[in-house]
């Protein structure tokens, strides 16, 4: 066998490396061998053959890690406003339906580009294909990340129960003709989905490029018990993660109690799904018992504050989660509802929403807790197997270079506070992933943005023409869903996660 050439060496000189807990950023050089950090210090020696990167005037932080997104959402960004989660689920076939293999790749590519340009180096992507995941579709979606140079944990979103069947009593609200129309949008029987996931997991070829596969039964009550158990078996057989939307909205929690007599978390746990490889998306309406259960089992929550507000789901209790020893990551959610893939914005929101939850400022989330969640916390939730989420010897060289000459950093007072409270993505200068530059001087090295825009516009025009029937159906269903589901959301519950305090009807009782 031919000897492998020695992995190339890179030395990053003169940058200021953030010390998250210390709220400091001392100058340091970083020596990278292949894709891994091997030395950090003030005067690091490097071989003459090493590539030298001048990082003077740059603040270096670990690549941000998106704990929860949906690549199919990128072609649907900005399409809706004033939709609840339940209306968004109803709109799924119209917003994300009729996608070709090229569309799936393109949508994933758009998201990966945006994330990298905004300082994000890895993501947990719950990609949806309709009526079920396909091995080819997942390969195309994964390839887009590999082509940009970004890491991903790709989890096909699966269900075998439609939204209309999943919410108790909702189907009965539809006239028979509409029931028939809704039935045309059924998911595949679960065995077909399991077969495709197995095929994808078995033949997955992108592990070497930092793109891996996990399993995502989309919402507990959108999956039959048999299907959930089949997903658990897949995750165990292939030693990968499980990710599901749990208690995202109050409607989901009420539906869970009606169906199972318990919280959704307790139900998932009763089936054996909750463990160190289990990630809850959102968790807005988790109660203290749910949090304790997740913490005790070593599970994670991706906290997605922007999405939680834009869909009107409320404000999750991150402090409660941390107190219960839950691993918390930060996510953006999909661009079909949260509309951008900006992790800086979601860090800022995670900090801010905790601060409006009560007057005791000792309970408020600190900036270092937020930045830790958006890096090491999300990294643990992704469970990629690689050491990511820290600038530390032995960890992968996933590093963001912020331009200290940018107005966001004039003056430079406190790196931890300013990354969370001041930075909005516009000072991102360069991004290194796995020791390779992926963004340099604000330009993506592996993607032609002009062509990307052209392809996206062509896809948009075609999809817009094709979605008329699905849009017409949505317009009919919208009235029913928007009458029935808010009714469920007004049912009494032992916790309250809405903001503003006037959500039990706007009329004050005199």
Protein backbone atom coordinates (compact mmCIF):
# COMPACT_ATOMS: atom_id res chain seq x y z
CA UNK A 1 0.00 0.00 0.00
CA UNK A 2 1.14 3.53 -0.76
CA UNK A 3 1.88 5.58 2.30
CA UNK A 4 -0.63 8.28 3.08
CA UNK A 5 0.94 11.75 2.84
CA UNK A 6 1.29 13.42 6.23
CA UNK A 7 -1.76 15.48 7.08
CA UNK A 8 -1.09 19.10 6.18
CA UNK A 9 -0.25 21.57 8.91
CA UNK A 10 -1.82 24.99 9.29
CA UNK A 11 -0.90 27.64 11.81
CA UNK A 12 -3.31 30.46 12.67
CA UNK A 13 -1.27 33.36 14.01
CA UNK A 14 -2.13 36.47 16.01
CA UNK A 15 -5.82 35.92 16.58
CA UNK A 16 -7.63 36.51 19.84
CA UNK A 17 -9.20 33.28 21.08
CA UNK A 18 -12.38 33.60 23.12
CA UNK A 19 -12.38 32.23 26.66
CA UNK A 20 -16.14 31.90 27.08
CA UNK A 21 -16.27 31.53 30.87
CA UNK A 22 -13.50 34.06 31.45
CA UNK A 23 -15.15 36.75 29.29
CA UNK A 24 -11.70 37.28 27.78
CA UNK A 25 -9.89 36.75 24.49
CA UNK A 26 -6.14 36.55 24.88
CA UNK A 27 -3.92 36.48 21.80
CA UNK A 28 -2.90 32.95 20.83
CA UNK A 29 -1.63 30.93 17.89
CA UNK A 30 -3.40 27.72 16.91
CA UNK A 31 -1.62 24.83 15.24
CA UNK A 32 -3.83 22.53 13.20
CA UNK A 33 -2.79 19.13 11.88
CA UNK A 34 -5.16 17.85 9.23
CA UNK A 35 -8.60 18.61 10.71
CA UNK A 36 -7.58 18.71 14.39
CA UNK A 37 -6.20 21.36 16.77
CA UNK A 38 -2.87 20.09 18.14
CA UNK A 39 -1.50 23.13 19.96
CA UNK A 40 -2.69 26.49 21.28
CA UNK A 41 -0.23 29.00 22.75
CA UNK A 42 1.56 32.31 22.50
CA UNK A 43 4.59 31.22 20.48
CA UNK A 44 3.64 28.05 18.65
CA UNK A 45 6.35 26.59 16.44
CA UNK A 46 5.21 25.36 13.04
CA UNK A 47 7.07 23.50 10.29
CA UNK A 48 8.19 25.59 7.28
CA UNK A 49 5.75 23.65 5.11
CA UNK A 50 2.77 24.76 7.24
CA UNK A 51 0.15 27.06 5.75
CA UNK A 52 0.11 30.34 7.69
CA UNK A 53 -3.18 32.16 8.30
CA UNK A 54 -2.85 35.70 9.59
CA UNK A 55 -5.62 36.22 12.16
CA UNK A 56 -4.46 39.56 13.52
CA UNK A 57 -7.43 41.82 14.13
CA UNK A 58 -9.72 38.78 14.37
CA UNK A 59 -11.64 37.30 17.27
CA UNK A 60 -11.79 33.50 17.06
CA UNK A 61 -14.70 31.53 18.48
CA UNK A 62 -15.77 27.89 18.12
CA UNK A 63 -18.09 27.32 15.16
CA UNK A 64 -21.71 27.75 16.23
CA UNK A 65 -23.76 24.55 16.05
CA UNK A 66 -27.40 24.64 15.03
CA UNK A 67 -29.26 22.18 17.26
CA UNK A 68 -32.40 22.07 15.12
CA UNK A 69 -33.25 23.06 11.55
CA UNK A 70 -35.12 21.76 8.50
CA UNK A 71 -33.33 21.96 5.14
CA UNK A 72 -36.57 21.65 3.17
CA UNK A 73 -37.64 24.98 4.69
CA UNK A 74 -35.06 27.08 2.83
CA UNK A 75 -37.02 27.22 -0.44
CA UNK A 76 -40.07 28.31 1.59
CA UNK A 77 -38.49 31.15 3.57
CA UNK A 78 -40.68 34.18 4.16
CA UNK A 79 -43.81 32.62 2.68
CA UNK A 80 -46.09 33.00 5.70
CA UNK A 81 -46.83 35.27 8.62
CA UNK A 82 -49.22 34.95 11.57
CA UNK A 83 -49.30 31.16 11.38
CA UNK A 84 -49.46 28.96 14.43
CA UNK A 85 -47.50 25.71 14.49
CA UNK A 86 -50.75 23.91 13.67
CA UNK A 87 -51.34 26.10 10.59
CA UNK A 88 -47.73 25.56 9.55
CA UNK A 89 -48.25 21.79 9.74
CA UNK A 90 -51.42 22.18 7.67
CA UNK A 91 -49.47 24.24 5.13
CA UNK A 92 -46.72 21.60 4.78
CA UNK A 93 -47.93 20.12 1.46
CA UNK A 94 -48.30 23.58 -0.09
CA UNK A 95 -45.03 25.04 1.24
CA UNK A 96 -42.77 22.02 0.89
CA UNK A 97 -44.58 19.63 -1.44
CA UNK A 98 -43.81 18.48 -5.01
CA UNK A 99 -40.04 18.73 -4.61
CA UNK A 100 -37.73 17.13 -7.16
CA UNK A 101 -34.38 15.60 -6.19
CA UNK A 102 -32.70 18.81 -7.46
CA UNK A 103 -35.01 20.91 -5.26
CA UNK A 104 -34.06 18.87 -2.20
CA UNK A 105 -30.36 19.41 -2.90
CA UNK A 106 -30.86 23.10 -3.66
CA UNK A 107 -32.90 23.79 -0.52
CA UNK A 108 -30.23 22.11 1.59
CA UNK A 109 -27.46 24.03 -0.19
CA UNK A 110 -29.15 27.41 0.42
CA UNK A 111 -29.40 26.67 4.15
CA UNK A 112 -25.83 25.43 4.46
CA UNK A 113 -24.55 28.56 2.69
CA UNK A 114 -26.51 30.85 4.99
CA UNK A 115 -25.41 29.01 8.11
CA UNK A 116 -21.70 29.08 7.21
CA UNK A 117 -21.90 32.76 6.23
CA UNK A 118 -23.38 33.39 9.69
CA UNK A 119 -20.75 31.52 11.68
CA UNK A 120 -22.37 28.09 11.94
CA UNK A 121 -20.27 24.99 11.21
CA UNK A 122 -22.62 22.07 11.97
CA UNK A 123 -26.36 21.45 12.13
CA UNK A 124 -28.96 18.89 13.18
CA UNK A 125 -31.18 18.86 10.10
CA UNK A 126 -34.62 17.26 10.24
CA UNK A 127 -35.23 17.04 6.52
CA UNK A 128 -38.68 16.10 5.28
CA UNK A 129 -39.59 14.33 2.06
CA UNK A 130 -43.13 13.55 1.08
CA UNK A 131 -44.75 11.00 1.34
CA UNK A 132 -41.67 9.40 2.94
CA UNK A 133 -37.88 9.70 3.11
CA UNK A 134 -35.87 8.18 0.27
CA UNK A 135 -32.29 6.98 0.26
CA UNK A 136 -31.65 9.12 -2.87
CA UNK A 137 -33.24 12.22 -1.37
CA UNK A 138 -31.20 11.96 1.82
CA UNK A 139 -28.00 11.41 -0.17
CA UNK A 140 -28.75 14.58 -2.19
CA UNK A 141 -29.56 16.63 0.93
CA UNK A 142 -26.40 15.37 2.65
CA UNK A 143 -24.28 16.02 -0.45
CA UNK A 144 -25.18 19.73 -0.31
CA UNK A 145 -23.59 20.01 3.16
CA UNK A 146 -20.52 18.10 1.95
CA UNK A 147 -20.24 20.39 -1.10
CA UNK A 148 -20.33 23.55 1.07
CA UNK A 149 -17.91 21.95 3.54
CA UNK A 150 -20.24 21.99 6.55
CA UNK A 151 -20.96 19.22 9.05
CA UNK A 152 -24.47 17.85 9.55
CA UNK A 153 -26.45 15.27 11.43
CA UNK A 154 -29.24 14.55 9.00
CA UNK A 155 -32.40 13.02 10.44
CA UNK A 156 -35.25 12.24 8.06
CA UNK A 157 -38.51 13.47 9.58
CA UNK A 158 -41.00 10.63 9.54
CA UNK A 159 -44.65 10.14 10.45
CA UNK A 160 -47.35 7.60 9.67
CA UNK A 161 -50.26 9.63 11.01
CA UNK A 162 -51.37 12.86 9.38
CA UNK A 163 -51.73 16.04 11.40
CA UNK A 164 -55.52 15.78 11.00
CA UNK A 165 -55.58 12.28 12.48
CA UNK A 166 -53.06 13.15 15.20
CA UNK A 167 -55.08 15.89 16.88
CA UNK A 168 -58.05 14.26 18.65
CA UNK A 169 -61.36 15.45 17.19
CA UNK A 170 -59.88 17.53 14.36
CA UNK A 171 -60.81 15.21 11.47
CA UNK A 172 -64.43 15.24 12.66
CA UNK A 173 -64.53 19.00 12.14
CA UNK A 174 -63.98 18.60 8.39
CA UNK A 175 -66.88 18.09 5.97
CA UNK A 176 -66.67 14.66 4.21
CA UNK A 177 -65.42 16.19 0.93
CA UNK A 178 -62.52 17.88 2.72
CA UNK A 179 -61.75 14.69 4.66
CA UNK A 180 -61.30 12.98 1.28
CA UNK A 181 -58.98 15.72 0.01
CA UNK A 182 -56.89 15.56 3.18
CA UNK A 183 -56.56 11.80 2.81
CA UNK A 184 -54.77 12.35 -0.51
CA UNK A 185 -51.88 13.82 1.52
CA UNK A 186 -51.31 10.72 3.65
CA UNK A 187 -47.86 9.65 4.68
CA UNK A 188 -46.67 6.24 3.58
CA UNK A 189 -47.39 3.28 5.86
CA UNK A 190 -44.63 3.15 8.43
CA UNK A 191 -42.99 -0.04 7.14
CA UNK A 192 -42.21 1.65 3.83
CA UNK A 193 -40.57 4.57 5.65
CA UNK A 194 -38.55 2.22 7.85
CA UNK A 195 -37.37 0.35 4.75
CA UNK A 196 -36.13 3.58 3.12
CA UNK A 197 -34.41 4.78 6.31
CA UNK A 198 -32.72 1.40 6.69
CA UNK A 199 -31.56 1.56 3.07
CA UNK A 200 -30.16 5.07 3.63
CA UNK A 201 -28.47 4.18 6.93
CA UNK A 202 -27.01 1.00 5.47
CA UNK A 203 -25.53 2.56 2.35
CA UNK A 204 -24.54 5.95 3.80
CA UNK A 205 -21.34 7.21 2.16
CA UNK A 206 -20.91 10.72 3.61
CA UNK A 207 -19.65 9.87 7.11
CA UNK A 208 -16.08 10.64 6.01
CA UNK A 209 -17.21 14.14 4.97
CA UNK A 210 -18.75 14.98 8.33
CA UNK A 211 -22.35 14.26 7.32
CA UNK A 212 -24.12 11.55 9.33
CA UNK A 213 -27.61 10.08 9.63
CA UNK A 214 -30.00 9.95 12.59
CA UNK A 215 -33.72 9.18 13.03
CA UNK A 216 -36.53 11.69 13.63
CA UNK A 217 -40.07 10.53 14.37
CA UNK A 218 -41.40 14.03 13.76
CA UNK A 219 -43.93 14.53 16.60
CA UNK A 220 -44.80 11.74 19.08
CA UNK A 221 -48.53 11.63 18.32
CA UNK A 222 -47.93 11.80 14.55
CA UNK A 223 -46.42 8.33 14.82
CA UNK A 224 -48.11 5.09 15.81
CA UNK A 225 -46.64 3.26 18.78
CA UNK A 226 -45.33 0.55 16.42
CA UNK A 227 -43.60 3.18 14.31
CA UNK A 228 -41.95 4.84 17.33
CA UNK A 229 -40.63 1.45 18.43
CA UNK A 230 -39.36 0.76 14.90
CA UNK A 231 -37.53 4.14 14.95
CA UNK A 232 -35.99 3.25 18.31
CA UNK A 233 -34.80 -0.09 16.91
CA UNK A 234 -33.23 1.65 13.89
CA UNK A 235 -31.43 4.14 16.13
CA UNK A 236 -30.11 1.29 18.30
CA UNK A 237 -29.11 -0.93 15.36
CA UNK A 238 -27.15 1.88 13.71
CA UNK A 239 -26.01 3.51 16.98
CA UNK A 240 -27.37 6.92 16.08
CA UNK A 241 -29.55 9.66 17.54
CA UNK A 242 -33.30 10.17 17.91
CA UNK A 243 -34.74 13.67 17.53
CA UNK A 244 -38.38 14.65 17.89
CA UNK A 245 -40.55 17.74 18.39
CA UNK A 246 -41.83 17.43 21.96
CA UNK A 247 -44.27 19.82 23.63
CA UNK A 248 -43.49 22.53 21.10
CA UNK A 249 -46.99 23.98 21.37
CA UNK A 250 -49.65 23.89 24.08
CA UNK A 251 -51.98 22.17 21.58
CA UNK A 252 -49.50 19.26 21.38
CA UNK A 253 -49.42 18.87 25.15
CA UNK A 254 -53.22 18.85 25.45
CA UNK A 255 -53.43 16.34 22.59
CA UNK A 256 -50.84 14.18 24.36
CA UNK A 257 -52.81 14.09 27.60
CA UNK A 258 -55.99 13.18 25.70
CA UNK A 259 -54.27 10.37 23.79
CA UNK A 260 -51.93 8.90 26.40
CA UNK A 261 -53.06 10.31 29.74
CA UNK A 262 -49.50 11.57 30.33
CA UNK A 263 -47.10 14.21 29.07
CA UNK A 264 -45.47 13.51 25.70
CA UNK A 265 -42.07 13.16 27.39
CA UNK A 266 -43.40 10.54 29.82
CA UNK A 267 -45.04 8.71 26.91
CA UNK A 268 -41.79 8.63 24.89
CA UNK A 269 -39.96 7.45 28.00
CA UNK A 270 -42.50 4.66 28.57
CA UNK A 271 -41.54 3.32 25.13
CA UNK A 272 -37.82 3.49 25.92
CA UNK A 273 -36.88 6.33 23.57
CA UNK A 274 -35.47 8.78 26.11
CA UNK A 275 -31.72 8.48 26.67
CA UNK A 276 -28.37 10.21 26.04
CA UNK A 277 -28.94 10.06 22.27
CA UNK A 278 -32.43 11.57 22.49
CA UNK A 279 -32.99 15.22 21.54
CA UNK A 280 -36.17 17.16 22.19
CA UNK A 281 -36.84 19.98 19.74
CA UNK A 282 -38.34 23.11 21.35
CA UNK A 283 -39.66 21.72 24.66
CA UNK A 284 -41.55 24.97 25.27
CA UNK A 285 -44.30 23.26 27.29
CA UNK A 286 -42.17 20.79 29.24
CA UNK A 287 -43.07 20.87 32.92
CA UNK A 288 -40.71 20.30 35.85
CA UNK A 289 -41.28 16.53 35.85
CA UNK A 290 -40.52 16.35 32.12
CA UNK A 291 -37.31 18.31 32.60
CA UNK A 292 -36.21 16.12 35.50
CA UNK A 293 -36.89 13.00 33.44
CA UNK A 294 -34.86 14.32 30.49
CA UNK A 295 -32.02 15.42 32.80
CA UNK A 296 -31.91 12.10 34.66
CA UNK A 297 -31.71 10.19 31.38
CA UNK A 298 -28.95 12.42 29.93
CA UNK A 299 -31.13 13.75 27.12
CA UNK A 300 -30.85 17.06 25.24
CA UNK A 301 -33.20 19.89 24.30
CA UNK A 302 -32.64 22.19 21.34
CA UNK A 303 -33.92 25.58 22.48
CA UNK A 304 -35.19 27.52 19.45
CA UNK A 305 -36.36 30.85 20.89
CA UNK A 306 -36.93 32.68 17.58
CA UNK A 307 -39.19 30.00 16.16
CA UNK A 308 -41.01 29.61 19.47
CA UNK A 309 -41.99 33.26 19.31
CA UNK A 310 -42.76 33.57 15.60
CA UNK A 311 -45.19 30.61 15.75
CA UNK A 312 -46.75 31.93 18.96
CA UNK A 313 -45.74 28.84 20.93
CA UNK A 314 -44.39 30.80 23.86
CA UNK A 315 -41.16 31.04 25.84
CA UNK A 316 -39.31 27.90 26.90
CA UNK A 317 -37.79 27.72 30.37
CA UNK A 318 -34.07 27.29 29.70
CA UNK A 319 -33.14 27.92 33.33
CA UNK A 320 -35.51 25.16 34.44
CA UNK A 321 -33.88 22.81 31.95
CA UNK A 322 -30.33 23.65 33.08
CA UNK A 323 -31.35 23.30 36.74
CA UNK A 324 -32.70 19.83 35.91
CA UNK A 325 -29.32 18.94 34.33
CA UNK A 326 -30.75 18.78 30.80
CA UNK A 327 -28.15 19.32 28.07
CA UNK A 328 -29.37 22.42 26.23
CA UNK A 329 -28.39 23.35 22.68
CA UNK A 330 -29.56 26.30 20.58
CA UNK A 331 -31.25 26.06 17.18
CA UNK A 332 -32.83 28.24 14.51
CA UNK A 333 -35.62 25.89 13.33
CA UNK A 334 -36.49 25.86 9.63
CA UNK A 335 -36.62 28.87 7.33
CA UNK A 336 -40.23 28.03 6.44
CA UNK A 337 -41.29 29.43 9.84
CA UNK A 338 -38.27 31.03 11.46
CA UNK A 339 -37.18 32.58 8.18
CA UNK A 340 -33.46 32.92 8.80
CA UNK A 341 -30.72 30.55 9.85
CA UNK A 342 -28.92 32.99 12.12
CA UNK A 343 -27.47 31.41 15.25
CA UNK A 344 -26.23 34.76 16.58
CA UNK A 345 -29.80 36.03 16.56
CA UNK A 346 -30.99 32.92 18.39
CA UNK A 347 -28.27 33.29 21.01
CA UNK A 348 -29.33 36.88 21.59
CA UNK A 349 -32.98 35.80 21.81
CA UNK A 350 -32.14 32.93 24.18
CA UNK A 351 -30.52 35.46 26.48
CA UNK A 352 -33.32 37.99 26.16
CA UNK A 353 -36.34 35.72 26.54
CA UNK A 354 -34.94 34.37 29.80
CA UNK A 355 -34.71 37.89 31.12
CA UNK A 356 -38.42 38.70 30.67
CA UNK A 357 -39.55 35.60 32.58
CA UNK A 358 -39.36 37.09 36.03
CA UNK A 359 -37.80 39.75 38.24
CA UNK A 360 -35.15 37.52 39.88
CA UNK A 361 -32.09 38.31 37.78
CA UNK A 362 -30.13 35.48 39.40
CA UNK A 363 -32.30 33.10 37.37
CA UNK A 364 -31.64 34.87 34.07
CA UNK A 365 -29.47 33.03 31.57
CA UNK A 366 -25.91 34.38 31.40
CA UNK A 367 -24.23 35.07 28.07
CA UNK A 368 -21.61 32.39 28.78
CA UNK A 369 -24.38 29.83 29.31
CA UNK A 370 -25.93 30.79 25.97
CA UNK A 371 -22.62 30.65 24.08
CA UNK A 372 -21.83 27.29 25.69
CA UNK A 373 -25.26 25.99 24.65
CA UNK A 374 -24.80 27.17 21.05
CA UNK A 375 -21.43 25.39 20.80
CA UNK A 376 -20.69 22.52 23.22
CA UNK A 377 -24.36 22.02 24.13
CA UNK A 378 -25.54 21.66 20.56
CA UNK A 379 -22.46 19.52 19.81
CA UNK A 380 -23.53 17.00 22.42
CA UNK A 381 -27.06 16.96 21.03
CA UNK A 382 -25.73 16.28 17.51
CA UNK A 383 -23.66 13.38 18.78
CA UNK A 384 -21.48 13.39 15.66
CA UNK A 385 -18.75 11.42 17.36
CA UNK A 386 -16.24 14.13 16.42
CA UNK A 387 -14.95 16.44 19.11
CA UNK A 388 -16.55 19.72 18.09
CA UNK A 389 -17.85 22.81 19.87
CA UNK A 390 -14.65 24.04 21.52
CA UNK A 391 -11.36 25.61 20.49
CA UNK A 392 -9.28 23.13 22.42
CA UNK A 393 -6.40 20.73 21.78
CA UNK A 394 -7.76 17.44 20.42
CA UNK A 395 -10.90 19.10 19.05
CA UNK A 396 -11.71 19.59 15.37
CA UNK A 397 -10.60 22.90 13.86
CA UNK A 398 -14.07 24.43 13.36
CA UNK A 399 -13.29 28.10 13.92
CA UNK A 400 -15.08 31.36 13.15
CA UNK A 401 -13.02 34.51 12.51
CA UNK A 402 -14.83 37.73 13.46
CA UNK A 403 -13.49 41.02 12.11
CA UNK A 404 -12.60 43.27 15.05
CA UNK A 405 -12.55 46.23 12.67
CA UNK A 406 -16.29 45.79 12.13
CA UNK A 407 -18.61 48.28 13.87
CA UNK A 408 -20.03 45.45 16.04
CA UNK A 409 -16.62 45.27 17.75
CA UNK A 410 -15.85 48.96 18.15
CA UNK A 411 -15.11 49.15 21.04
CA UNK A 412 -14.18 45.61 22.09
CA UNK A 413 -15.23 45.36 25.74
CA UNK A 414 -16.25 41.77 26.50
CA UNK A 415 -16.07 39.00 23.89
CA UNK A 416 -18.62 36.66 25.49
CA UNK A 417 -21.23 39.38 26.03
CA UNK A 418 -20.65 40.86 22.58
CA UNK A 419 -20.81 37.56 20.66
CA UNK A 420 -24.22 36.95 22.26
CA UNK A 421 -25.62 40.48 22.56
CA UNK A 422 -23.91 42.48 19.79
CA UNK A 423 -22.91 40.15 16.97
CA UNK A 424 -25.50 39.54 14.26
CA UNK A 425 -23.42 37.66 11.72
CA UNK A 426 -22.26 40.71 9.82
CA UNK A 427 -18.74 40.67 11.31
CA UNK A 428 -18.11 37.06 10.21
CA UNK A 429 -14.98 37.33 8.07
CA UNK A 430 -13.86 33.73 7.59
CA UNK A 431 -14.87 30.26 8.69
CA UNK A 432 -12.69 27.17 8.98
CA UNK A 433 -14.28 23.72 9.21
CA UNK A 434 -12.21 20.56 9.75
CA UNK A 435 -9.04 22.59 9.20
CA UNK A 436 -10.11 23.90 5.79
CA UNK A 437 -11.26 27.41 4.97
CA UNK A 438 -14.86 27.31 3.79
CA UNK A 439 -15.55 31.05 3.94
CA UNK A 440 -12.67 33.46 3.35
CA UNK A 441 -12.96 37.23 3.42
CA UNK A 442 -16.78 36.88 3.40
CA UNK A 443 -16.78 34.67 0.27
CA UNK A 444 -17.86 31.04 0.18
CA UNK A 445 -15.03 29.11 -1.44
CA UNK A 446 -17.08 26.15 -2.69
CA UNK A 447 -20.28 27.78 -3.99
CA UNK A 448 -21.06 30.15 -6.86
CA UNK A 449 -23.64 32.48 -5.30
CA UNK A 450 -24.74 34.00 -8.62
CA UNK A 451 -25.60 30.57 -9.96
CA UNK A 452 -27.25 29.61 -6.67
CA UNK A 453 -29.58 32.62 -6.93
CA UNK A 454 -30.42 31.74 -10.53
CA UNK A 455 -31.22 28.11 -9.72
CA UNK A 456 -33.30 29.15 -6.69
CA UNK A 457 -35.36 31.58 -8.77
CA UNK A 458 -36.06 28.92 -11.42
CA UNK A 459 -37.13 26.45 -8.73
CA UNK A 460 -39.29 29.11 -7.06
CA UNK A 461 -41.14 29.92 -10.28
CA UNK A 462 -41.82 26.28 -11.01
CA UNK A 463 -42.90 25.46 -7.46
CA UNK A 464 -45.18 28.49 -7.32
CA UNK A 465 -47.02 27.32 -10.46
CA UNK A 466 -47.25 23.77 -9.13
CA UNK A 467 -48.57 24.60 -5.68
CA UNK A 468 -51.93 26.14 -6.65
CA UNK A 469 -54.10 23.07 -5.78
CA UNK A 470 -52.31 22.51 -2.46
CA UNK A 471 -52.67 26.22 -1.64
CA UNK A 472 -56.40 26.12 -2.42
CA UNK A 473 -56.79 23.16 -0.06
CA UNK A 474 -54.82 24.98 2.64
CA UNK A 475 -57.10 28.01 2.35
CA UNK A 476 -60.11 25.77 3.03
CA UNK A 477 -58.46 23.91 5.91
CA UNK A 478 -57.06 27.05 7.51
CA UNK A 479 -60.43 28.16 8.84
CA UNK A 480 -61.15 24.81 10.50
CA UNK A 481 -57.68 24.40 12.03
CA UNK A 482 -57.66 27.99 13.21
CA UNK A 483 -60.98 27.56 14.99
CA UNK A 484 -60.39 24.14 16.51
CA UNK A 485 -56.73 24.27 17.61
CA UNK A 486 -56.76 27.61 19.48
CA UNK A 487 -59.71 26.12 21.38
CA UNK A 488 -57.42 23.31 22.56
CA UNK A 489 -54.76 25.89 23.36
CA UNK A 490 -57.15 27.67 25.71
CA UNK A 491 -57.69 24.54 27.83
CA UNK A 492 -56.32 24.89 31.36
CA UNK A 493 -52.84 23.47 32.01
CA UNK A 494 -50.66 23.43 35.12
CA UNK A 495 -47.92 25.49 33.43
CA UNK A 496 -48.02 28.69 31.37
CA UNK A 497 -45.40 29.55 28.76
CA UNK A 498 -47.17 32.37 26.92
CA UNK A 499 -45.84 35.91 27.17
CA UNK A 500 -47.87 39.02 27.83
CA UNK A 501 -50.33 37.67 30.34
CA UNK A 502 -53.51 38.47 28.37
CA UNK A 503 -53.83 35.28 26.37
CA UNK A 504 -57.03 34.03 27.98
CA UNK A 505 -58.94 36.37 25.70
CA UNK A 506 -58.17 40.04 25.34
CA UNK A 507 -61.17 41.30 27.30
CA UNK A 508 -60.46 42.21 30.87
CA UNK A 509 -63.14 41.27 33.35
CA UNK A 510 -64.41 44.23 35.28
